[in-house]
Protein backbone atom coordinates (compact mmCIF):
# COMPACT_ATOMS: atom_id res chain seq x y z
CA MET A 1 93.47 80.02 61.19
CA ILE A 2 91.44 77.92 63.59
CA HIS A 3 93.82 78.09 66.54
CA GLN A 4 93.63 81.90 66.52
CA LEU A 5 89.83 82.08 66.93
CA SER A 6 88.44 83.51 70.15
CA ALA A 7 86.32 81.51 72.54
CA ALA A 8 83.25 83.50 71.51
CA GLU A 9 83.96 82.81 67.83
CA LEU A 10 84.45 79.10 68.48
CA LEU A 11 81.20 78.77 70.42
CA ALA A 12 79.33 80.45 67.55
CA ALA A 13 81.05 78.17 65.02
CA TYR A 14 80.15 75.07 67.04
CA ALA A 15 76.53 76.15 67.35
CA GLN A 16 76.33 76.72 63.59
CA ARG A 17 78.12 73.43 62.79
CA ARG A 18 80.87 75.29 60.91
CA LEU A 19 83.56 73.77 63.12
CA SER A 20 83.79 70.84 65.49
CA PRO A 21 85.74 70.63 68.78
CA VAL A 22 87.79 67.83 67.24
CA GLU A 23 88.97 70.05 64.37
CA VAL A 24 89.83 72.82 66.79
CA MET A 25 91.71 70.58 69.19
CA GLN A 26 93.70 69.08 66.33
CA ALA A 27 94.61 72.55 65.06
CA VAL A 28 95.69 73.78 68.52
CA LEU A 29 97.81 70.68 69.15
CA ALA A 30 99.50 71.03 65.77
CA HIS A 31 100.19 74.76 66.23
CA ALA A 32 101.57 74.29 69.73
CA GLY A 33 103.80 71.50 68.46
CA ARG A 34 105.29 73.84 65.88
CA CYS A 35 105.92 76.65 68.39
CA GLU A 36 107.08 74.84 71.51
CA GLY A 37 110.67 74.40 70.37
CA GLU A 38 111.03 78.16 70.69
CA LEU A 39 108.53 79.22 73.37
CA HIS A 40 108.68 76.49 76.07
CA ALA A 41 105.21 77.36 77.32
CA LEU A 42 104.04 73.81 78.14
CA CYS A 43 105.27 71.28 80.69
CA ALA A 44 102.75 68.52 79.91
CA VAL A 45 100.37 67.72 77.04
CA ASP A 46 97.84 64.89 76.94
CA ALA A 47 96.82 64.82 73.30
CA ASP A 48 94.93 61.53 73.49
CA ALA A 49 92.77 62.67 76.41
CA ALA A 50 92.21 66.04 74.75
CA LEU A 51 90.98 64.48 71.53
CA ALA A 52 88.74 62.08 73.47
CA ALA A 53 87.25 65.05 75.32
CA ALA A 54 86.80 66.85 72.01
CA ARG A 55 84.87 63.90 70.58
CA ALA A 56 82.61 63.86 73.66
CA SER A 57 82.05 67.59 73.28
CA GLU A 58 81.23 67.17 69.60
CA ALA A 59 78.56 64.65 70.57
CA ARG A 60 77.01 67.05 73.07
CA TRP A 61 76.86 69.82 70.47
CA ARG A 62 75.13 67.45 68.06
CA ALA A 63 72.68 66.36 70.77
CA GLY A 64 71.85 69.91 71.76
CA THR A 65 73.23 69.46 75.29
CA ALA A 66 76.34 71.62 75.03
CA LEU A 67 77.79 73.12 78.20
CA PRO A 68 78.79 76.82 78.59
CA LEU A 69 82.43 76.34 77.49
CA ASP A 70 81.95 73.09 75.63
CA GLY A 71 84.84 72.15 73.38
CA LEU A 72 86.99 75.19 74.14
CA PRO A 73 90.69 74.34 74.62
CA VAL A 74 92.11 75.62 77.92
CA THR A 75 95.55 75.36 79.49
CA LEU A 76 96.13 75.19 83.25
CA LYS A 77 99.13 76.61 85.05
CA GLU A 78 101.12 73.74 86.56
CA ASN A 79 100.20 74.73 90.15
CA ILE A 80 96.48 74.23 89.45
CA ALA A 81 95.92 70.71 90.75
CA VAL A 82 94.29 68.01 88.64
CA PRO A 83 94.26 64.44 90.00
CA GLY A 84 97.11 62.42 88.53
CA ALA A 85 98.57 65.39 86.64
CA VAL A 86 102.11 66.69 87.08
CA TYR A 87 102.32 68.87 90.21
CA ARG A 88 105.92 69.94 90.69
CA LEU A 89 105.32 73.67 91.30
CA GLY A 90 107.90 74.64 88.71
CA THR A 91 110.88 73.38 90.72
CA ALA A 92 113.31 70.49 90.37
CA ALA A 93 113.26 70.18 94.17
CA THR A 94 109.96 68.27 94.05
CA ALA A 95 109.85 64.53 93.41
CA ASP A 96 110.26 63.56 89.77
CA ASP A 97 106.90 61.76 89.80
CA ALA A 98 104.98 64.31 91.90
CA THR A 99 101.31 64.45 90.95
CA ALA A 100 98.22 66.02 92.49
CA ASP A 101 95.74 63.95 94.47
CA PHE A 102 92.92 66.51 94.38
CA GLU A 103 91.17 68.74 91.86
CA ALA A 104 91.54 72.47 92.50
CA PRO A 105 88.26 74.41 92.29
CA PRO A 106 89.21 76.39 89.13
CA ALA A 107 90.13 73.16 87.33
CA ALA A 108 86.84 71.59 88.40
CA ARG A 109 84.77 74.56 87.23
CA LEU A 110 86.37 74.51 83.76
CA ARG A 111 85.85 70.75 83.44
CA GLU A 112 82.21 71.06 84.52
CA ALA A 113 81.70 73.81 81.92
CA GLY A 114 82.94 71.50 79.14
CA ALA A 115 86.34 73.12 78.48
CA ILE A 116 89.08 70.76 77.28
CA ARG A 117 92.03 70.85 79.70
CA TRP A 118 94.64 69.77 77.20
CA ALA A 119 97.96 71.08 78.61
CA ARG A 120 99.82 72.31 81.69
CA THR A 121 101.84 75.51 81.45
CA THR A 122 105.30 76.26 82.81
CA MET A 123 106.09 78.43 85.82
CA PRO A 124 109.15 79.45 87.88
CA ASP A 125 110.16 77.74 91.14
CA TYR A 126 107.22 77.90 93.55
CA GLY A 127 105.72 80.72 91.46
CA MET A 128 108.00 83.25 93.16
CA LEU A 129 109.41 85.02 90.09
CA SER A 130 108.01 87.37 87.47
CA SER A 131 109.69 85.38 84.71
CA GLY A 132 109.68 81.85 83.34
CA LEU A 133 113.10 80.97 84.75
CA SER A 134 112.94 77.62 86.53
CA SER A 135 115.19 74.89 87.88
CA LEU A 136 112.79 72.30 86.45
CA TYR A 137 112.78 73.14 82.77
CA ALA A 138 115.77 73.16 80.44
CA GLU A 139 114.72 76.51 78.95
CA PRO A 140 112.64 79.38 80.35
CA ALA A 141 109.36 80.30 78.75
CA ARG A 142 109.75 82.99 76.10
CA ASN A 143 107.69 85.89 74.85
CA PRO A 144 106.09 85.35 71.41
CA TRP A 145 106.52 89.05 70.57
CA ASP A 146 110.28 88.62 70.96
CA PRO A 147 111.53 85.19 72.07
CA ALA A 148 114.68 86.74 73.51
CA MET A 149 112.43 88.30 76.16
CA THR A 150 110.46 86.85 79.05
CA PRO A 151 106.68 86.50 78.85
CA GLY A 152 106.64 87.43 82.53
CA GLY A 153 105.55 85.29 85.41
CA SER A 154 104.76 83.47 87.38
CA SER A 155 102.00 82.52 84.90
CA ALA A 156 104.76 82.45 82.30
CA GLY A 157 103.76 79.56 80.09
CA ALA A 158 100.09 80.57 80.21
CA ALA A 159 100.88 84.02 78.84
CA ALA A 160 103.25 82.71 76.18
CA ALA A 161 100.65 80.16 75.09
CA SER A 162 97.90 82.75 74.89
CA ALA A 163 99.92 85.30 72.92
CA ALA A 164 101.13 82.61 70.52
CA GLY A 165 97.63 81.32 69.84
CA TYR A 166 97.54 77.99 71.67
CA GLY A 167 93.77 78.27 71.78
CA PRO A 168 91.65 80.99 73.42
CA LEU A 169 91.60 80.26 77.17
CA HIS A 170 94.43 80.04 79.70
CA LEU A 171 94.31 79.88 83.50
CA GLY A 172 96.89 81.54 85.73
CA THR A 173 97.34 82.46 89.39
CA ASP A 174 98.33 85.77 90.97
CA ILE A 175 99.73 86.61 94.41
CA GLY A 176 101.57 89.86 93.61
CA GLY A 177 101.09 90.31 89.87
CA SER A 178 101.54 86.84 88.39
CA ILE A 179 98.58 87.12 86.01
CA ARG A 180 98.75 90.85 85.24
CA LEU A 181 102.51 91.15 84.70
CA PRO A 182 102.72 88.46 81.99
CA ALA A 183 99.46 89.69 80.49
CA GLY A 184 100.91 93.19 80.26
CA TRP A 185 104.20 92.01 78.77
CA CYS A 186 102.41 89.79 76.23
CA GLY A 187 99.63 92.18 75.17
CA LEU A 188 96.86 90.11 76.76
CA VAL A 189 93.82 90.55 78.95
CA GLY A 190 94.69 89.24 82.40
CA LEU A 191 92.22 89.48 85.27
CA LYS A 192 93.07 89.26 88.95
CA PRO A 193 89.55 88.89 90.36
CA SER A 194 88.36 90.12 93.71
CA HIS A 195 89.66 87.78 96.39
CA GLY A 196 87.14 84.96 96.81
CA ARG A 197 85.47 85.55 93.45
CA VAL A 198 87.16 82.43 92.05
CA PRO A 199 87.41 79.78 94.78
CA ILE A 200 90.90 78.29 95.01
CA LYS A 201 92.78 75.55 96.85
CA PRO A 202 95.31 75.79 98.38
CA GLY A 203 94.52 79.32 99.48
CA TYR A 204 96.88 82.00 100.73
CA ALA A 205 96.70 85.70 101.52
CA GLY A 206 96.25 87.54 98.22
CA ARG A 207 96.31 84.40 96.05
CA VAL A 208 93.74 84.19 93.25
CA ALA A 209 93.21 82.35 89.99
CA GLY A 210 92.02 84.08 86.86
CA PRO A 211 91.92 84.15 83.06
CA LEU A 212 94.58 85.07 80.53
CA THR A 213 92.94 85.66 77.15
CA ARG A 214 93.19 87.90 74.11
CA THR A 215 89.86 89.67 74.59
CA ILE A 216 87.64 90.97 77.37
CA GLU A 217 84.75 88.92 76.00
CA ASP A 218 86.73 85.69 76.42
CA ALA A 219 87.90 86.67 79.91
CA ALA A 220 84.29 87.28 80.92
CA LEU A 221 83.18 83.93 79.50
CA MET A 222 85.90 82.19 81.46
CA LEU A 223 85.21 84.12 84.67
CA ALA A 224 81.53 83.18 84.56
CA ALA A 225 82.52 79.51 84.81
CA LEU A 226 85.33 80.03 87.33
CA ALA A 227 83.22 82.14 89.73
CA ARG A 228 80.86 79.35 90.72
CA PRO A 229 80.95 78.46 94.44
CA ASP A 230 83.17 75.84 96.09
CA ALA A 231 82.98 75.28 99.84
CA ARG A 232 86.60 74.17 100.00
CA ASP A 233 87.59 77.85 99.86
CA PRO A 234 86.38 79.53 103.08
CA THR A 235 87.00 82.97 101.53
CA GLN A 236 84.62 82.39 98.61
CA LEU A 237 82.24 85.21 97.80
CA PRO A 238 78.50 84.72 97.41
CA PRO A 239 77.46 84.23 93.79
CA GLY A 240 77.10 87.56 92.03
CA PRO A 241 77.09 89.12 88.57
CA VAL A 242 80.43 89.00 86.78
CA ALA A 243 79.39 89.77 83.20
CA PRO A 244 80.53 93.22 81.99
CA ARG A 245 77.75 95.66 82.70
CA PRO A 246 76.78 98.64 80.51
CA ILE A 247 79.02 101.53 81.49
CA GLU A 248 78.61 105.27 80.93
CA LEU A 249 81.99 106.95 80.58
CA ARG A 250 80.64 110.48 80.95
CA GLY A 251 81.11 111.58 84.53
CA LEU A 252 83.04 108.47 85.54
CA ARG A 253 85.67 109.27 88.18
CA ILE A 254 89.05 107.81 87.22
CA GLY A 255 92.25 108.08 89.18
CA LEU A 256 95.56 108.11 87.31
CA MET A 257 98.57 106.72 89.16
CA LEU A 258 102.03 107.01 87.60
CA ASP A 259 104.15 106.87 90.76
CA ALA A 260 103.71 103.87 93.05
CA GLY A 261 105.73 105.37 95.88
CA TRP A 262 108.56 102.84 95.71
CA GLY A 263 110.22 100.55 93.20
CA ASP A 264 111.51 101.13 89.70
CA ALA A 265 110.68 104.41 87.98
CA VAL A 266 108.17 104.19 85.15
CA GLN A 267 109.93 104.29 81.80
CA PRO A 268 108.87 107.13 79.46
CA GLU A 269 107.21 104.96 76.80
CA VAL A 270 105.19 103.14 79.46
CA ALA A 271 104.08 106.38 81.07
CA ALA A 272 103.13 107.86 77.69
CA ALA A 273 100.95 104.87 76.80
CA VAL A 274 99.10 104.96 80.13
CA VAL A 275 98.61 108.73 79.96
CA ALA A 276 97.26 108.37 76.42
CA ALA A 277 94.70 105.86 77.69
CA ALA A 278 93.66 108.22 80.47
CA ARG A 279 93.29 111.07 77.98
CA ALA A 280 91.11 108.89 75.73
CA PHE A 281 88.77 108.20 78.64
CA GLU A 282 88.80 111.91 79.48
CA GLN A 283 87.85 112.81 75.91
CA ALA A 284 84.97 110.33 76.19
CA GLY A 285 83.64 112.24 79.19
CA ALA A 286 85.35 110.69 82.20
CA VAL A 287 86.83 112.90 84.91
CA VAL A 288 90.49 111.96 85.37
CA ALA A 289 92.46 113.10 88.40
CA PRO A 290 95.93 112.16 89.67
CA LEU A 291 96.22 109.57 92.42
CA ALA A 292 99.16 110.12 94.75
CA PRO A 293 101.34 107.22 95.91
CA PHE A 294 100.01 105.31 98.90
CA THR A 295 102.44 102.41 99.22
CA THR A 296 105.55 102.86 101.36
CA ARG A 297 108.95 101.19 101.29
CA ASP A 298 108.21 99.76 104.76
CA MET A 299 105.10 98.03 103.40
CA ALA A 300 106.95 96.55 100.44
CA ASP A 301 109.97 95.42 102.45
CA GLY A 302 107.83 93.97 105.22
CA ILE A 303 105.83 91.83 102.80
CA ASP A 304 109.08 90.78 101.12
CA ARG A 305 110.49 89.61 104.45
CA PHE A 306 107.30 87.71 105.28
CA TRP A 307 107.35 85.96 101.91
CA ARG A 308 111.03 85.10 102.35
CA MET A 309 110.28 83.44 105.68
CA ARG A 310 107.34 81.50 104.27
CA SER A 311 109.46 80.20 101.40
CA TRP A 312 112.50 79.56 103.63
CA LEU A 313 110.39 77.36 105.90
CA ASP A 314 109.24 75.31 102.91
CA ILE A 315 112.70 75.03 101.39
CA SER A 316 114.60 74.39 104.62
CA ALA A 317 112.28 71.45 105.33
CA LEU A 318 113.54 69.69 102.19
CA ALA A 319 116.29 67.08 102.32
CA ALA A 320 119.65 68.66 101.53
CA GLU A 321 119.88 66.95 98.15
CA ARG A 322 116.50 68.30 97.07
CA ARG A 323 117.14 71.74 98.54
CA ALA A 324 120.22 72.02 96.34
CA ARG A 325 118.00 71.64 93.26
CA VAL A 326 116.07 74.87 93.91
CA LEU A 327 116.91 77.70 91.54
CA PRO A 328 119.99 79.48 93.02
CA TYR A 329 118.30 82.88 92.76
CA ILE A 330 115.46 81.62 94.97
CA LEU A 331 117.93 80.15 97.47
CA ASP A 332 119.74 83.48 97.65
CA TRP A 333 116.43 85.30 98.10
CA VAL A 334 115.23 83.17 101.03
CA ALA A 335 118.62 82.90 102.80
CA PRO A 336 118.27 86.05 104.97
CA ALA A 337 115.08 84.64 106.52
CA ALA A 338 117.15 82.13 108.49
CA GLY A 339 118.17 85.04 110.75
CA TYR A 340 114.77 86.70 111.18
CA ASP A 341 113.24 86.85 114.65
CA GLY A 342 109.57 86.69 115.49
CA ALA A 343 109.15 90.45 115.62
CA THR A 344 110.56 90.82 112.10
CA VAL A 345 108.18 88.23 110.70
CA PHE A 346 105.16 89.63 112.55
CA ASN A 347 105.94 93.15 111.37
CA GLY A 348 106.24 91.87 107.83
CA TYR A 349 102.89 90.12 108.05
CA SER A 350 101.27 93.25 109.47
CA GLN A 351 102.27 95.21 106.35
CA MET A 352 99.71 93.22 104.35
CA GLN A 353 96.93 94.82 106.38
CA ALA A 354 98.60 98.22 106.26
CA LEU A 355 98.75 98.06 102.48
CA ARG A 356 95.18 96.80 102.28
CA GLU A 357 93.90 99.76 104.26
CA ALA A 358 96.02 102.25 102.31
CA ALA A 359 94.91 100.94 98.92
CA ASN A 360 91.21 100.92 99.74
CA ALA A 361 91.35 104.41 101.23
CA ALA A 362 93.29 105.83 98.28
CA CYS A 363 90.97 104.30 95.68
CA GLU A 364 87.70 105.15 97.44
CA PRO A 365 87.17 108.58 95.77
CA PHE A 366 87.32 106.97 92.32
CA ASP A 367 85.16 104.57 90.36
CA PHE A 368 88.32 103.11 88.78
CA VAL A 369 92.07 103.64 88.88
CA LEU A 370 94.45 103.48 85.91
CA SER A 371 98.16 102.75 86.19
CA PRO A 372 100.94 100.91 84.42
CA VAL A 373 101.01 97.18 85.02
CA ALA A 374 104.81 97.30 85.24
CA PRO A 375 107.27 100.19 85.02
CA MET A 376 109.04 98.63 82.02
CA PRO A 377 108.34 96.36 79.04
CA ALA A 378 109.47 92.73 78.97
CA TYR A 379 113.10 92.03 79.86
CA PRO A 380 115.51 89.23 78.80
CA ALA A 381 114.18 85.70 79.28
CA HIS A 382 117.21 84.41 81.21
CA LEU A 383 116.76 86.94 84.04
CA ALA A 384 114.74 86.17 87.16
CA SER A 385 113.54 89.78 87.43
CA PRO A 386 114.32 93.05 85.66
CA LEU A 387 117.14 93.78 88.14
CA HIS A 388 118.10 90.09 88.57
CA ASP A 389 119.01 90.94 92.16
CA PRO A 390 117.62 88.68 94.94
CA ALA A 391 118.24 91.49 97.44
CA ARG A 392 115.81 93.71 95.47
CA PRO A 393 113.44 91.21 93.87
CA PHE A 394 110.16 93.12 93.76
CA GLU A 395 110.96 96.61 92.48
CA HIS A 396 108.81 95.94 89.40
CA ILE A 397 105.60 94.86 91.21
CA ALA A 398 104.82 98.14 92.96
CA PHE A 399 101.72 98.76 90.82
CA THR A 400 100.32 95.22 91.07
CA LEU A 401 101.04 94.10 94.65
CA PRO A 402 98.67 96.54 96.42
CA TYR A 403 95.54 95.02 94.90
CA ASN A 404 96.36 91.49 95.99
CA MET A 405 96.48 92.79 99.55
CA SER A 406 93.39 95.02 99.16
CA GLU A 407 91.47 92.20 97.39
CA GLN A 408 90.26 94.59 94.67
CA PRO A 409 89.76 93.38 91.09
CA ALA A 410 92.55 94.48 88.76
CA LEU A 411 92.81 93.97 85.03
CA SER A 412 95.74 94.12 82.64
CA ILE A 413 95.00 95.07 79.03
CA ASN A 414 97.24 96.23 76.23
CA ALA A 415 97.78 100.00 76.02
CA GLY A 416 100.25 100.13 73.15
CA PHE A 417 103.72 99.08 72.03
CA THR A 418 107.27 100.25 72.44
CA THR A 419 109.06 101.88 69.52
CA ALA A 420 112.64 101.34 70.71
CA GLY A 421 114.48 98.10 70.04
CA LEU A 422 114.33 95.60 67.22
CA ARG A 423 110.80 94.37 67.92
CA PRO A 424 107.82 96.26 69.37
CA LEU A 425 106.84 95.00 72.82
CA PRO A 426 103.41 95.37 74.46
CA ILE A 427 102.78 97.88 77.24
CA GLY A 428 100.19 96.95 79.85
CA LEU A 429 97.49 99.24 81.25
CA GLN A 430 96.11 98.25 84.66
CA ILE A 431 92.45 98.97 85.45
CA VAL A 432 91.56 98.68 89.13
CA GLY A 433 88.03 98.67 90.53
CA ARG A 434 86.43 98.73 93.93
CA ARG A 435 86.30 95.43 95.73
CA PHE A 436 83.66 93.06 94.30
CA ASP A 437 83.28 95.12 91.09
CA ASP A 438 84.78 92.55 88.73
CA ALA A 439 81.98 93.28 86.26
CA GLY A 440 82.86 96.97 86.23
CA VAL A 441 86.55 96.34 85.62
CA LEU A 442 85.68 94.10 82.68
CA ALA A 443 83.25 96.73 81.38
CA LEU A 444 85.88 99.48 81.46
CA GLY A 445 88.29 97.09 79.75
CA ALA A 446 85.72 96.52 77.00
CA ALA A 447 85.34 100.28 76.62
CA TRP A 448 89.11 100.62 76.25
CA GLU A 449 89.10 97.95 73.53
CA GLN A 450 86.83 100.30 71.57
CA LEU A 451 88.80 103.48 72.33
CA ARG A 452 92.36 102.30 71.81
CA PRO A 453 94.22 102.47 68.50
CA ALA A 454 94.24 99.45 66.21
CA GLN A 455 96.34 96.64 67.62
CA ARG A 456 99.28 94.96 65.96
CA PRO A 457 98.70 91.46 64.52
CA TRP A 458 99.32 88.66 67.00
CA PRO A 459 102.74 86.98 66.68
CA PHE A 460 103.38 83.43 65.45
CA LYS A 461 100.56 83.40 62.90
CA GLU A 462 103.09 82.61 60.19
CA SER A 463 103.92 79.25 61.77
CA SER A 464 100.45 77.84 61.11
CA THR A 465 98.95 76.12 58.10
CA SER A 466 95.66 75.32 59.82
């Protein structure tokens, strides 16, 4: 089935003239059209432009002038700006005809590499939920492994599209787990790069863009294009190697973290899958040692209060009629910020630095750290968070949030599947590296792909005739 092929497989097929970008784009469009009635992963599709881009790519392949990602279909999360494209940030509070007037660096890098930006993916209001629930869309995005469940968020549609086989490459953003959480709940590879590795605009503390794919190889291909410089991001890193490097597991120092220090307790099946991964690395020669919690409730609550104030300022500036369109859960979440004083907000902001220092110090003795991505598997699609409580919105991000603040690279990759319930659900393993070591995190992910048990077949294959 053409739409299920990896980016690496497609590039090889193009080079050997076994497939053309036009055939692939047609297959992806047809497959997405069959699945969207159930998954709600896409908020905009430009089929005509996609096919025109595919024809141009086909010509470059024939002329021997193909670009690094030439002809590969890629979706962009709706908050990745493309001039003239829908730019409503997942909320009905924005103008009905809101479009972007600039091209965000990650979108530019993919275009310059020849990828075909054929669709925009759904997200929750302002990207502030770990689900696909949104005031803008009639239905939330759904998880292909079980459409009653969420794919996660805020890169909700991107994860649903990737797991369902809407082509090989999908771009998300992450400020507290928004790439890794949906990747973990959908069985994908999701990379939160080192801060500055992928230039981004608009920027914000902890905010990054990164790939959601089915394989480490595809994530690395995508990162190589995304990591090119862009002066519009003053936090950009100097160009450096991002390809997975050869890695020797024997003697590697790996920390194992099963208690984040706050938040929801890790469910037994999740803990068992992560421990099994750690034991597999240990059997391959790595030295695994426990990593004690380093995040405190004060850190988590302080950052929560700071984020509430930031969002309250944005929302309170809206006209009353537009403000009323924001998802009620989000309105309830930001409401307490109206009473915060300056000291409260400053203290909240200072917890970002406190967490950054704690995370870097805790991880320093190790080459890598393993943990769950989330304490639980995917939860029902109509909930904003596992607890669905705006007073306690972030209890499930205790393992992901620290590495946005510390700016370390962190990868989600599938560790296994649940056995309870009607349908097996993926369980995410998080691999964290030292700051700047994106190549190492990808390399350890590739090693885990070789060590882990055989994976279940991807969902939604049966819907395709391509």
